[in-house]
Amino acid sequence: MFNLIARLFIVALALLVSGAYIPGLSISSFYIALIAAILIGLLNLTVRPILYILTLPINLLTFGLFSFIINTLLFWFVSTFVAGFSVEGFLPALIGAGIVAITNWLAHKIS
């Protein structure tokens, strides 16, 4: 349980840092980043596997690179629900989703 909470806080910090350095990505507070991290985690747990199965032929044709598009669209989708978390284009969403994915992977490996 502690590992889950620690990873959640690490992802929220990664969101704050990426919001500070990526133009087009803004996060107003740590509370908003925490809510966005929870929603990103829930969507990655429930919706992403379904999207991977539905887009399996495209994923196979692109050698798995389409999974970056799926992560980007889910990241962008969360920004439509959370007030105070805004993404102003595809490229900031792609970079932000990549940073969050790498940070989540590192946090998972550490804990």
C-alpha atoms as a PDB file:
ATOM      1  CA  MET A   1       0.000   0.000   0.000  1.00  0.00           C
ATOM      2  CA  PHE A   2       2.856   2.352   0.823  1.00  0.00           C
ATOM      3  CA  ASN A   3       4.481   1.633  -2.557  1.00  0.00           C
ATOM      4  CA  LEU A   4       1.286   2.579  -4.370  1.00  0.00           C
ATOM      5  CA  ILE A   5       0.997   5.883  -2.525  1.00  0.00           C
ATOM      6  CA  ALA A   6       4.698   6.613  -3.041  1.00  0.00           C
ATOM      7  CA  ARG A   7       4.400   5.963  -6.786  1.00  0.00           C
ATOM      8  CA  LEU A   8       1.322   8.178  -6.933  1.00  0.00           C
ATOM      9  CA  PHE A   9       3.207  11.061  -5.315  1.00  0.00           C
ATOM     10  CA  ILE A  10       6.199  10.506  -7.623  1.00  0.00           C
ATOM     11  CA  VAL A  11       3.974  10.660 -10.702  1.00  0.00           C
ATOM     12  CA  ALA A  12       2.284  13.803  -9.346  1.00  0.00           C
ATOM     13  CA  LEU A  13       5.718  15.408  -8.887  1.00  0.00           C
ATOM     14  CA  ALA A  14       6.652  14.377 -12.428  1.00  0.00           C
ATOM     15  CA  LEU A  15       3.491  16.057 -13.669  1.00  0.00           C
ATOM     16  CA  LEU A  16       4.395  19.245 -11.813  1.00  0.00           C
ATOM     17  CA  VAL A  17       7.931  19.251 -13.182  1.00  0.00           C
ATOM     18  CA  SER A  18       6.792  18.537 -16.722  1.00  0.00           C
ATOM     19  CA  GLY A  19       4.194  21.296 -16.413  1.00  0.00           C
ATOM     20  CA  ALA A  20       6.920  23.729 -15.405  1.00  0.00           C
ATOM     21  CA  TYR A  21       9.259  22.901 -18.288  1.00  0.00           C
ATOM     22  CA  ILE A  22       7.037  21.925 -21.211  1.00  0.00           C
ATOM     23  CA  PRO A  23       5.388  24.842 -22.997  1.00  0.00           C
ATOM     24  CA  GLY A  24       1.724  24.103 -23.617  1.00  0.00           C
ATOM     25  CA  LEU A  25       1.334  21.980 -20.490  1.00  0.00           C
ATOM     26  CA  SER A  26       0.176  23.674 -17.307  1.00  0.00           C
ATOM     27  CA  ILE A  27      -0.713  22.359 -13.880  1.00  0.00           C
ATOM     28  CA  SER A  28      -1.915  24.816 -11.293  1.00  0.00           C
ATOM     29  CA  SER A  29      -1.094  23.010  -8.019  1.00  0.00           C
ATOM     30  CA  PHE A  30       0.114  19.794  -6.425  1.00  0.00           C
ATOM     31  CA  TYR A  31      -3.478  18.882  -5.568  1.00  0.00           C
ATOM     32  CA  ILE A  32      -4.455  19.095  -9.243  1.00  0.00           C
ATOM     33  CA  ALA A  33      -1.381  17.042 -10.191  1.00  0.00           C
ATOM     34  CA  LEU A  34      -2.382  14.398  -7.644  1.00  0.00           C
ATOM     35  CA  ILE A  35      -5.916  14.197  -9.049  1.00  0.00           C
ATOM     36  CA  ALA A  36      -4.540  13.982 -12.597  1.00  0.00           C
ATOM     37  CA  ALA A  37      -2.114  11.228 -11.533  1.00  0.00           C
ATOM     38  CA  ILE A  38      -4.974   9.242 -10.012  1.00  0.00           C
ATOM     39  CA  LEU A  39      -7.095   9.602 -13.153  1.00  0.00           C
ATOM     40  CA  ILE A  40      -4.176   8.714 -15.439  1.00  0.00           C
ATOM     41  CA  GLY A  41      -3.543   5.628 -13.318  1.00  0.00           C
ATOM     42  CA  LEU A  42      -7.190   4.584 -13.421  1.00  0.00           C
ATOM     43  CA  LEU A  43      -7.415   5.044 -17.185  1.00  0.00           C
ATOM     44  CA  ASN A  44      -4.174   3.143 -17.686  1.00  0.00           C
ATOM     45  CA  LEU A  45      -5.581   0.339 -15.563  1.00  0.00           C
ATOM     46  CA  THR A  46      -8.999   0.076 -17.208  1.00  0.00           C
ATOM     47  CA  VAL A  47      -9.185   1.707 -20.645  1.00  0.00           C
ATOM     48  CA  ARG A  48      -5.667   1.241 -22.018  1.00  0.00           C
ATOM     49  CA  PRO A  49      -5.783  -2.591 -22.209  1.00  0.00           C
ATOM     50  CA  ILE A  50      -9.056  -2.399 -24.115  1.00  0.00           C
ATOM     51  CA  LEU A  51      -7.610   0.148 -26.542  1.00  0.00           C
ATOM     52  CA  TYR A  52      -4.511  -2.017 -27.040  1.00  0.00           C
ATOM     53  CA  ILE A  53      -6.665  -4.986 -27.979  1.00  0.00           C
ATOM     54  CA  LEU A  54      -8.831  -2.909 -30.329  1.00  0.00           C
ATOM     55  CA  THR A  55      -5.809  -1.352 -32.045  1.00  0.00           C
ATOM     56  CA  LEU A  56      -3.691  -4.505 -32.159  1.00  0.00           C
ATOM     57  CA  PRO A  57      -3.447  -4.612 -35.981  1.00  0.00           C
ATOM     58  CA  ILE A  58      -2.216  -1.003 -36.107  1.00  0.00           C
ATOM     59  CA  ASN A  59       0.202  -1.719 -33.265  1.00  0.00           C
ATOM     60  CA  LEU A  60       1.599  -4.716 -35.116  1.00  0.00           C
ATOM     61  CA  LEU A  61       2.015  -2.738 -38.335  1.00  0.00           C
ATOM     62  CA  THR A  62       3.861   0.060 -36.546  1.00  0.00           C
ATOM     63  CA  PHE A  63       5.932  -2.337 -34.402  1.00  0.00           C
ATOM     64  CA  GLY A  64       4.323  -1.042 -31.203  1.00  0.00           C
ATOM     65  CA  LEU A  65       4.847   2.659 -31.873  1.00  0.00           C
ATOM     66  CA  PHE A  66       1.092   3.259 -31.911  1.00  0.00           C
ATOM     67  CA  SER A  67       1.108   2.642 -28.159  1.00  0.00           C
ATOM     68  CA  PHE A  68       2.725   6.084 -27.789  1.00  0.00           C
ATOM     69  CA  ILE A  69      -0.318   7.563 -29.526  1.00  0.00           C
ATOM     70  CA  ILE A  70      -2.673   5.720 -27.173  1.00  0.00           C
ATOM     71  CA  ASN A  71      -0.770   6.997 -24.102  1.00  0.00           C
ATOM     72  CA  THR A  72      -0.789  10.523 -25.532  1.00  0.00           C
ATOM     73  CA  LEU A  73      -4.512  10.491 -26.192  1.00  0.00           C
ATOM     74  CA  LEU A  74      -5.269   9.177 -22.694  1.00  0.00           C
ATOM     75  CA  PHE A  75      -3.061  11.907 -21.207  1.00  0.00           C
ATOM     76  CA  TRP A  76      -4.855  14.512 -23.293  1.00  0.00           C
ATOM     77  CA  PHE A  77      -8.226  13.003 -22.338  1.00  0.00           C
ATOM     78  CA  VAL A  78      -7.483  13.443 -18.623  1.00  0.00           C
ATOM     79  CA  SER A  79      -6.794  17.130 -19.221  1.00  0.00           C
ATOM     80  CA  THR A  80     -10.382  17.589 -20.424  1.00  0.00           C
ATOM     81  CA  PHE A  81     -11.757  16.431 -17.051  1.00  0.00           C
ATOM     82  CA  VAL A  82      -9.433  18.082 -14.553  1.00  0.00           C
ATOM     83  CA  ALA A  83      -9.751  21.840 -14.166  1.00  0.00           C
ATOM     84  CA  GLY A  84      -6.314  23.354 -13.625  1.00  0.00           C
ATOM     85  CA  PHE A  85      -4.583  20.746 -15.803  1.00  0.00           C
ATOM     86  CA  SER A  86      -4.438  21.826 -19.425  1.00  0.00           C
ATOM     87  CA  VAL A  87      -2.682  20.496 -22.490  1.00  0.00           C
ATOM     88  CA  GLU A  88      -2.611  22.807 -25.482  1.00  0.00           C
ATOM     89  CA  GLY A  89      -1.659  20.464 -28.282  1.00  0.00           C
ATOM     90  CA  PHE A  90      -0.526  17.047 -29.368  1.00  0.00           C
ATOM     91  CA  LEU A  91       3.211  17.576 -28.933  1.00  0.00           C
ATOM     92  CA  PRO A  92       3.000  18.755 -25.292  1.00  0.00           C
ATOM     93  CA  ALA A  93       0.712  15.788 -24.600  1.00  0.00           C
ATOM     94  CA  LEU A  94       3.197  13.407 -26.244  1.00  0.00           C
ATOM     95  CA  ILE A  95       6.152  14.747 -24.250  1.00  0.00           C
ATOM     96  CA  GLY A  96       4.158  14.874 -20.997  1.00  0.00           C
ATOM     97  CA  ALA A  97       2.847  11.328 -21.447  1.00  0.00           C
ATOM     98  CA  GLY A  98       6.380  10.136 -22.179  1.00  0.00           C
ATOM     99  CA  ILE A  99       7.765  11.767 -19.044  1.00  0.00           C
ATOM    100  CA  VAL A 100       4.963  10.344 -16.917  1.00  0.00           C
ATOM    101  CA  ALA A 101       5.425   6.861 -18.424  1.00  0.00           C
ATOM    102  CA  ILE A 102       9.192   6.887 -17.819  1.00  0.00           C
ATOM    103  CA  THR A 103       8.749   8.218 -14.285  1.00  0.00           C
ATOM    104  CA  ASN A 104       6.088   5.617 -13.532  1.00  0.00           C
ATOM    105  CA  TRP A 105       8.356   2.869 -14.854  1.00  0.00           C
ATOM    106  CA  LEU A 106      11.293   4.096 -12.754  1.00  0.00           C
ATOM    107  CA  ALA A 107       9.125   4.382  -9.652  1.00  0.00           C
ATOM    108  CA  HIS A 108       7.867   0.855 -10.217  1.00  0.00           C
ATOM    109  CA  LYS A 109      11.432  -0.464 -10.563  1.00  0.00           C
ATOM    110  CA  ILE A 110      12.614   1.341  -7.416  1.00  0.00           C
ATOM    111  CA  SER A 111       9.749   0.277  -5.163  1.00  0.00           C
END
